[in-house]
Amino acid sequence: NASVTILLPMKLSSTHDEVQVVKSAIEQYIQDNPRIWACLVNFRVAKVDPNMEMIVYSAKLQHVKNWQDLLPILQNKGDLEKFCTEILMQLGIQYDSPHSNTNIYVKEMLEQVPTEALGMET
């Protein structure tokens, strides 16, 4: 049967109890959907980034269908990811990436661009 892995980025400040709530919610989701999911294979830390104040957990689940039946598996994976995101948001532990401060500089001013390039006639 197909194995599906989802990544769950969380705030580094997430407590052990909050993470256990997420894991328990996934286990309950599997029990509530026995025709879709067989079991939770593993739940572990996949990445820790102290600079970004982020910890990423990986959840690997076994689907009841074989990997050849890809489309329903991907649909079910999307539904699971949506469910997990909602749980993280309810707990307030979803990781929000910091906004990047990207400065864009325009080298040429519009007046300096040839009018032919703009599709304009003089």
N, C-alpha and C. Protein backbone atom coordinates (compact mmCIF):
# COMPACT_ATOMS: atom_id res chain seq x y z
N ASN A 1 0.83 -1.19 0.00
CA ASN A 1 0.00 0.00 0.00
C ASN A 1 0.87 1.25 0.00
N ALA A 2 0.29 2.34 -0.46
CA ALA A 2 1.04 3.58 -0.60
C ALA A 2 1.36 4.19 0.76
N SER A 3 2.54 4.76 0.86
CA SER A 3 2.92 5.53 2.05
C SER A 3 2.93 7.00 1.67
N VAL A 4 2.38 7.82 2.54
CA VAL A 4 2.27 9.26 2.30
C VAL A 4 2.96 9.98 3.44
N THR A 5 3.80 10.94 3.09
CA THR A 5 4.49 11.74 4.10
C THR A 5 4.05 13.18 3.99
N ILE A 6 3.71 13.77 5.13
CA ILE A 6 3.39 15.19 5.17
C ILE A 6 4.34 15.87 6.15
N LEU A 7 4.68 17.10 5.85
CA LEU A 7 5.54 17.89 6.72
C LEU A 7 4.71 18.91 7.46
N LEU A 8 4.97 19.05 8.74
CA LEU A 8 4.21 19.95 9.60
C LEU A 8 5.14 20.98 10.24
N PRO A 9 5.33 22.14 9.59
CA PRO A 9 6.18 23.18 10.16
C PRO A 9 5.47 23.86 11.33
N MET A 10 6.19 23.93 12.46
CA MET A 10 5.63 24.54 13.67
C MET A 10 6.62 25.55 14.24
N LYS A 11 6.08 26.38 15.12
CA LYS A 11 6.95 27.31 15.83
C LYS A 11 7.89 26.51 16.74
N LEU A 12 9.11 26.96 16.86
CA LEU A 12 10.08 26.28 17.71
C LEU A 12 9.63 26.29 19.17
N SER A 13 8.81 27.24 19.53
CA SER A 13 8.32 27.35 20.91
C SER A 13 7.18 26.39 21.22
N SER A 14 6.77 25.57 20.26
CA SER A 14 5.70 24.60 20.49
C SER A 14 6.09 23.64 21.61
N THR A 15 5.15 23.40 22.50
CA THR A 15 5.42 22.51 23.64
C THR A 15 5.23 21.06 23.25
N HIS A 16 5.77 20.18 24.06
CA HIS A 16 5.62 18.74 23.84
C HIS A 16 4.13 18.36 23.87
N ASP A 17 3.38 18.96 24.79
CA ASP A 17 1.95 18.68 24.89
C ASP A 17 1.20 19.09 23.63
N GLU A 18 1.55 20.24 23.06
CA GLU A 18 0.91 20.69 21.82
C GLU A 18 1.21 19.74 20.67
N VAL A 19 2.45 19.28 20.59
CA VAL A 19 2.83 18.34 19.54
C VAL A 19 2.08 17.02 19.72
N GLN A 20 1.91 16.59 20.96
CA GLN A 20 1.17 15.36 21.23
C GLN A 20 -0.29 15.50 20.82
N VAL A 21 -0.85 16.69 20.98
CA VAL A 21 -2.23 16.94 20.55
C VAL A 21 -2.33 16.77 19.03
N VAL A 22 -1.34 17.28 18.31
CA VAL A 22 -1.32 17.15 16.85
C VAL A 22 -1.23 15.67 16.46
N LYS A 23 -0.34 14.95 17.10
CA LYS A 23 -0.19 13.52 16.80
C LYS A 23 -1.48 12.77 17.11
N SER A 24 -2.08 13.05 18.24
CA SER A 24 -3.34 12.40 18.62
C SER A 24 -4.46 12.74 17.63
N ALA A 25 -4.49 13.97 17.16
CA ALA A 25 -5.50 14.38 16.19
C ALA A 25 -5.33 13.61 14.88
N ILE A 26 -4.09 13.39 14.46
CA ILE A 26 -3.83 12.61 13.25
C ILE A 26 -4.27 11.16 13.45
N GLU A 27 -3.96 10.59 14.61
CA GLU A 27 -4.38 9.22 14.90
C GLU A 27 -5.91 9.10 14.91
N GLN A 28 -6.59 10.10 15.45
CA GLN A 28 -8.05 10.09 15.45
C GLN A 28 -8.60 10.24 14.03
N TYR A 29 -7.94 11.07 13.23
CA TYR A 29 -8.33 11.26 11.83
C TYR A 29 -8.25 9.93 11.08
N ILE A 30 -7.20 9.16 11.34
CA ILE A 30 -7.04 7.85 10.72
C ILE A 30 -8.18 6.92 11.15
N GLN A 31 -8.50 6.91 12.44
CA GLN A 31 -9.59 6.07 12.95
C GLN A 31 -10.94 6.48 12.36
N ASP A 32 -11.12 7.78 12.13
CA ASP A 32 -12.37 8.29 11.57
C ASP A 32 -12.48 8.03 10.07
N ASN A 33 -11.38 7.68 9.42
CA ASN A 33 -11.35 7.45 7.97
C ASN A 33 -10.69 6.11 7.64
N PRO A 34 -11.25 4.99 8.15
CA PRO A 34 -10.61 3.68 7.97
C PRO A 34 -10.61 3.17 6.53
N ARG A 35 -11.46 3.73 5.68
CA ARG A 35 -11.47 3.31 4.27
C ARG A 35 -10.43 4.06 3.45
N ILE A 36 -9.76 5.01 4.09
CA ILE A 36 -8.74 5.81 3.41
C ILE A 36 -7.35 5.52 3.98
N TRP A 37 -7.22 5.58 5.29
CA TRP A 37 -5.92 5.45 5.95
C TRP A 37 -5.85 4.17 6.77
N ALA A 38 -4.72 3.47 6.67
CA ALA A 38 -4.52 2.23 7.43
C ALA A 38 -3.91 2.51 8.80
N CYS A 39 -2.83 3.30 8.82
CA CYS A 39 -2.17 3.56 10.11
C CYS A 39 -1.17 4.70 9.99
N LEU A 40 -0.76 5.18 11.17
CA LEU A 40 0.33 6.15 11.26
C LEU A 40 1.61 5.35 11.40
N VAL A 41 2.48 5.44 10.42
CA VAL A 41 3.72 4.67 10.42
C VAL A 41 4.73 5.28 11.37
N ASN A 42 4.95 6.59 11.25
CA ASN A 42 5.83 7.27 12.20
C ASN A 42 5.52 8.76 12.26
N PHE A 43 5.95 9.35 13.34
CA PHE A 43 5.77 10.78 13.60
C PHE A 43 7.06 11.23 14.27
N ARG A 44 7.81 12.08 13.60
CA ARG A 44 9.14 12.42 14.11
C ARG A 44 9.54 13.84 13.73
N VAL A 45 10.59 14.31 14.38
CA VAL A 45 11.18 15.59 14.02
C VAL A 45 11.98 15.39 12.74
N ALA A 46 11.72 16.22 11.75
CA ALA A 46 12.42 16.13 10.47
C ALA A 46 13.48 17.21 10.32
N LYS A 47 13.23 18.39 10.95
CA LYS A 47 14.16 19.51 10.80
C LYS A 47 13.98 20.48 11.95
N VAL A 48 15.08 21.03 12.40
CA VAL A 48 15.06 22.08 13.42
C VAL A 48 15.92 23.23 12.89
N ASP A 49 15.32 24.42 12.87
CA ASP A 49 16.05 25.60 12.40
C ASP A 49 15.90 26.70 13.45
N PRO A 50 16.88 26.79 14.37
CA PRO A 50 16.78 27.81 15.42
C PRO A 50 16.80 29.24 14.88
N ASN A 51 17.51 29.47 13.78
CA ASN A 51 17.57 30.83 13.22
C ASN A 51 16.20 31.28 12.71
N MET A 52 15.44 30.36 12.16
CA MET A 52 14.11 30.68 11.66
C MET A 52 13.03 30.43 12.73
N GLU A 53 13.46 29.96 13.91
CA GLU A 53 12.55 29.64 15.01
C GLU A 53 11.46 28.66 14.55
N MET A 54 11.93 27.58 13.88
CA MET A 54 11.02 26.61 13.28
C MET A 54 11.46 25.19 13.60
N ILE A 55 10.47 24.33 13.80
CA ILE A 55 10.70 22.90 13.91
C ILE A 55 9.70 22.23 12.97
N VAL A 56 10.17 21.26 12.21
CA VAL A 56 9.30 20.57 11.25
C VAL A 56 9.16 19.12 11.67
N TYR A 57 7.92 18.69 11.84
CA TYR A 57 7.63 17.29 12.13
C TYR A 57 7.21 16.61 10.83
N SER A 58 7.53 15.34 10.73
CA SER A 58 7.16 14.53 9.59
C SER A 58 6.19 13.45 10.07
N ALA A 59 5.06 13.32 9.37
CA ALA A 59 4.10 12.27 9.67
C ALA A 59 4.00 11.38 8.45
N LYS A 60 4.26 10.09 8.63
CA LYS A 60 4.17 9.13 7.53
C LYS A 60 2.98 8.22 7.80
N LEU A 61 2.06 8.18 6.84
CA LEU A 61 0.84 7.39 6.98
C LEU A 61 0.77 6.36 5.86
N GLN A 62 0.12 5.25 6.17
CA GLN A 62 -0.10 4.23 5.16
C GLN A 62 -1.53 4.34 4.64
N HIS A 63 -1.64 4.47 3.33
CA HIS A 63 -2.94 4.57 2.67
C HIS A 63 -3.46 3.15 2.43
N VAL A 64 -4.76 2.98 2.29
CA VAL A 64 -5.31 1.64 2.05
C VAL A 64 -5.16 1.21 0.58
N LYS A 65 -4.95 2.18 -0.32
CA LYS A 65 -4.81 1.85 -1.74
C LYS A 65 -3.35 1.72 -2.13
N ASN A 66 -3.13 1.04 -3.25
CA ASN A 66 -1.78 0.92 -3.79
C ASN A 66 -1.38 2.21 -4.48
N TRP A 67 -0.09 2.43 -4.60
CA TRP A 67 0.42 3.67 -5.16
C TRP A 67 0.01 3.88 -6.62
N GLN A 68 -0.39 2.81 -7.31
CA GLN A 68 -0.81 2.95 -8.71
C GLN A 68 -2.10 3.78 -8.83
N ASP A 69 -2.88 3.83 -7.76
CA ASP A 69 -4.14 4.60 -7.76
C ASP A 69 -3.84 6.00 -7.24
N LEU A 70 -3.00 6.71 -7.95
CA LEU A 70 -2.38 7.94 -7.47
C LEU A 70 -3.34 9.10 -7.20
N LEU A 71 -4.28 9.35 -8.10
CA LEU A 71 -5.13 10.53 -7.96
C LEU A 71 -5.92 10.57 -6.65
N PRO A 72 -6.62 9.49 -6.26
CA PRO A 72 -7.33 9.55 -4.97
C PRO A 72 -6.37 9.67 -3.78
N ILE A 73 -5.21 9.09 -3.91
CA ILE A 73 -4.22 9.18 -2.82
C ILE A 73 -3.78 10.63 -2.64
N LEU A 74 -3.50 11.31 -3.75
CA LEU A 74 -3.10 12.72 -3.66
C LEU A 74 -4.22 13.59 -3.13
N GLN A 75 -5.47 13.29 -3.51
CA GLN A 75 -6.62 14.03 -2.99
C GLN A 75 -6.73 13.82 -1.48
N ASN A 76 -6.58 12.58 -1.03
CA ASN A 76 -6.65 12.28 0.40
C ASN A 76 -5.50 12.93 1.17
N LYS A 77 -4.33 12.98 0.55
CA LYS A 77 -3.17 13.65 1.18
C LYS A 77 -3.47 15.13 1.35
N GLY A 78 -4.05 15.75 0.34
CA GLY A 78 -4.41 17.17 0.44
C GLY A 78 -5.43 17.42 1.54
N ASP A 79 -6.42 16.54 1.66
CA ASP A 79 -7.41 16.66 2.73
C ASP A 79 -6.76 16.54 4.10
N LEU A 80 -5.82 15.61 4.22
CA LEU A 80 -5.09 15.42 5.49
C LEU A 80 -4.25 16.65 5.82
N GLU A 81 -3.56 17.19 4.83
CA GLU A 81 -2.74 18.39 5.06
C GLU A 81 -3.61 19.57 5.50
N LYS A 82 -4.78 19.70 4.89
CA LYS A 82 -5.70 20.77 5.28
C LYS A 82 -6.15 20.57 6.73
N PHE A 83 -6.48 19.35 7.08
CA PHE A 83 -6.89 19.03 8.45
C PHE A 83 -5.78 19.38 9.44
N CYS A 84 -4.56 18.97 9.12
CA CYS A 84 -3.43 19.24 10.02
C CYS A 84 -3.15 20.73 10.14
N THR A 85 -3.27 21.46 9.05
CA THR A 85 -3.07 22.91 9.09
C THR A 85 -4.10 23.56 10.00
N GLU A 86 -5.34 23.10 9.92
CA GLU A 86 -6.39 23.64 10.79
C GLU A 86 -6.08 23.37 12.26
N ILE A 87 -5.57 22.19 12.57
CA ILE A 87 -5.20 21.85 13.95
C ILE A 87 -4.08 22.77 14.43
N LEU A 88 -3.04 22.93 13.60
CA LEU A 88 -1.92 23.80 13.97
C LEU A 88 -2.40 25.22 14.21
N MET A 89 -3.32 25.70 13.38
CA MET A 89 -3.83 27.07 13.54
C MET A 89 -4.67 27.20 14.81
N GLN A 90 -5.47 26.18 15.11
CA GLN A 90 -6.28 26.22 16.33
C GLN A 90 -5.40 26.26 17.57
N LEU A 91 -4.28 25.55 17.51
CA LEU A 91 -3.35 25.54 18.64
C LEU A 91 -2.44 26.78 18.65
N GLY A 92 -2.41 27.50 17.55
CA GLY A 92 -1.55 28.69 17.46
C GLY A 92 -0.08 28.36 17.33
N ILE A 93 0.24 27.19 16.77
CA ILE A 93 1.64 26.78 16.66
C ILE A 93 2.10 26.64 15.21
N GLN A 94 1.25 27.04 14.26
CA GLN A 94 1.66 26.96 12.85
C GLN A 94 2.82 27.92 12.63
N TYR A 95 3.75 27.49 11.79
CA TYR A 95 4.91 28.32 11.51
C TYR A 95 4.56 29.35 10.46
N ASP A 96 4.81 30.60 10.77
CA ASP A 96 4.64 31.69 9.82
C ASP A 96 6.02 32.18 9.45
N SER A 97 6.37 32.04 8.19
CA SER A 97 7.70 32.47 7.77
C SER A 97 7.80 33.98 7.90
N PRO A 98 8.96 34.45 8.32
CA PRO A 98 9.14 35.89 8.44
C PRO A 98 9.05 36.54 7.06
N HIS A 99 8.52 37.74 7.04
CA HIS A 99 8.41 38.45 5.77
C HIS A 99 9.80 38.86 5.32
N SER A 100 10.06 38.63 4.05
CA SER A 100 11.37 39.02 3.54
C SER A 100 11.33 40.48 3.10
N ASN A 101 12.42 41.16 3.33
CA ASN A 101 12.55 42.55 2.93
C ASN A 101 13.34 42.59 1.63
N THR A 102 12.64 42.45 0.53
CA THR A 102 13.28 42.44 -0.77
C THR A 102 13.12 43.80 -1.40
N ASN A 103 14.22 44.39 -1.74
CA ASN A 103 14.19 45.68 -2.42
C ASN A 103 14.38 45.45 -3.91
N ILE A 104 13.52 46.07 -4.69
CA ILE A 104 13.61 45.96 -6.14
C ILE A 104 14.01 47.32 -6.69
N TYR A 105 15.06 47.31 -7.47
CA TYR A 105 15.53 48.55 -8.08
C TYR A 105 15.34 48.45 -9.59
N VAL A 106 14.79 49.50 -10.18
CA VAL A 106 14.61 49.55 -11.62
C VAL A 106 15.79 50.31 -12.18
N LYS A 107 16.52 49.66 -13.09
CA LYS A 107 17.70 50.28 -13.66
C LYS A 107 17.35 51.41 -14.63
N GLU A 108 16.36 51.17 -15.44
CA GLU A 108 16.01 52.16 -16.46
C GLU A 108 14.66 52.76 -16.14
N MET A 109 14.56 54.03 -16.33
CA MET A 109 13.28 54.70 -16.14
C MET A 109 12.45 54.50 -17.39
N LEU A 110 11.17 54.58 -17.28
CA LEU A 110 10.27 54.37 -18.41
C LEU A 110 10.60 55.31 -19.56
N GLU A 111 10.98 56.54 -19.24
CA GLU A 111 11.28 57.50 -20.30
C GLU A 111 12.49 57.07 -21.11
N GLN A 112 13.36 56.26 -20.53
CA GLN A 112 14.58 55.85 -21.21
C GLN A 112 14.38 54.63 -22.10
N VAL A 113 13.23 53.95 -21.96
CA VAL A 113 12.96 52.78 -22.77
C VAL A 113 12.49 53.25 -24.14
N PRO A 114 13.04 52.71 -25.23
CA PRO A 114 12.61 53.13 -26.57
C PRO A 114 11.12 52.88 -26.74
N THR A 115 10.45 53.84 -27.38
CA THR A 115 9.00 53.74 -27.55
C THR A 115 8.60 52.54 -28.39
N GLU A 116 9.49 52.07 -29.28
CA GLU A 116 9.17 50.88 -30.09
C GLU A 116 9.03 49.66 -29.19
N ALA A 117 9.81 49.59 -28.12
CA ALA A 117 9.76 48.46 -27.20
C ALA A 117 8.43 48.41 -26.46
N LEU A 118 7.80 49.56 -26.32
CA LEU A 118 6.52 49.61 -25.62
C LEU A 118 5.35 49.48 -26.57
N GLY A 119 5.62 49.36 -27.89
CA GLY A 119 4.56 49.25 -28.88
C GLY A 119 3.92 50.59 -29.15
N MET A 120 4.65 51.68 -28.90
CA MET A 120 4.12 53.02 -29.11
C MET A 120 4.83 53.66 -30.28
N GLU A 121 4.12 54.51 -30.99
CA GLU A 121 4.74 55.25 -32.08
C GLU A 121 5.02 56.67 -31.63
N THR A 122 6.06 57.26 -32.20
CA THR A 122 6.38 58.65 -31.85
C THR A 122 5.74 59.62 -32.78
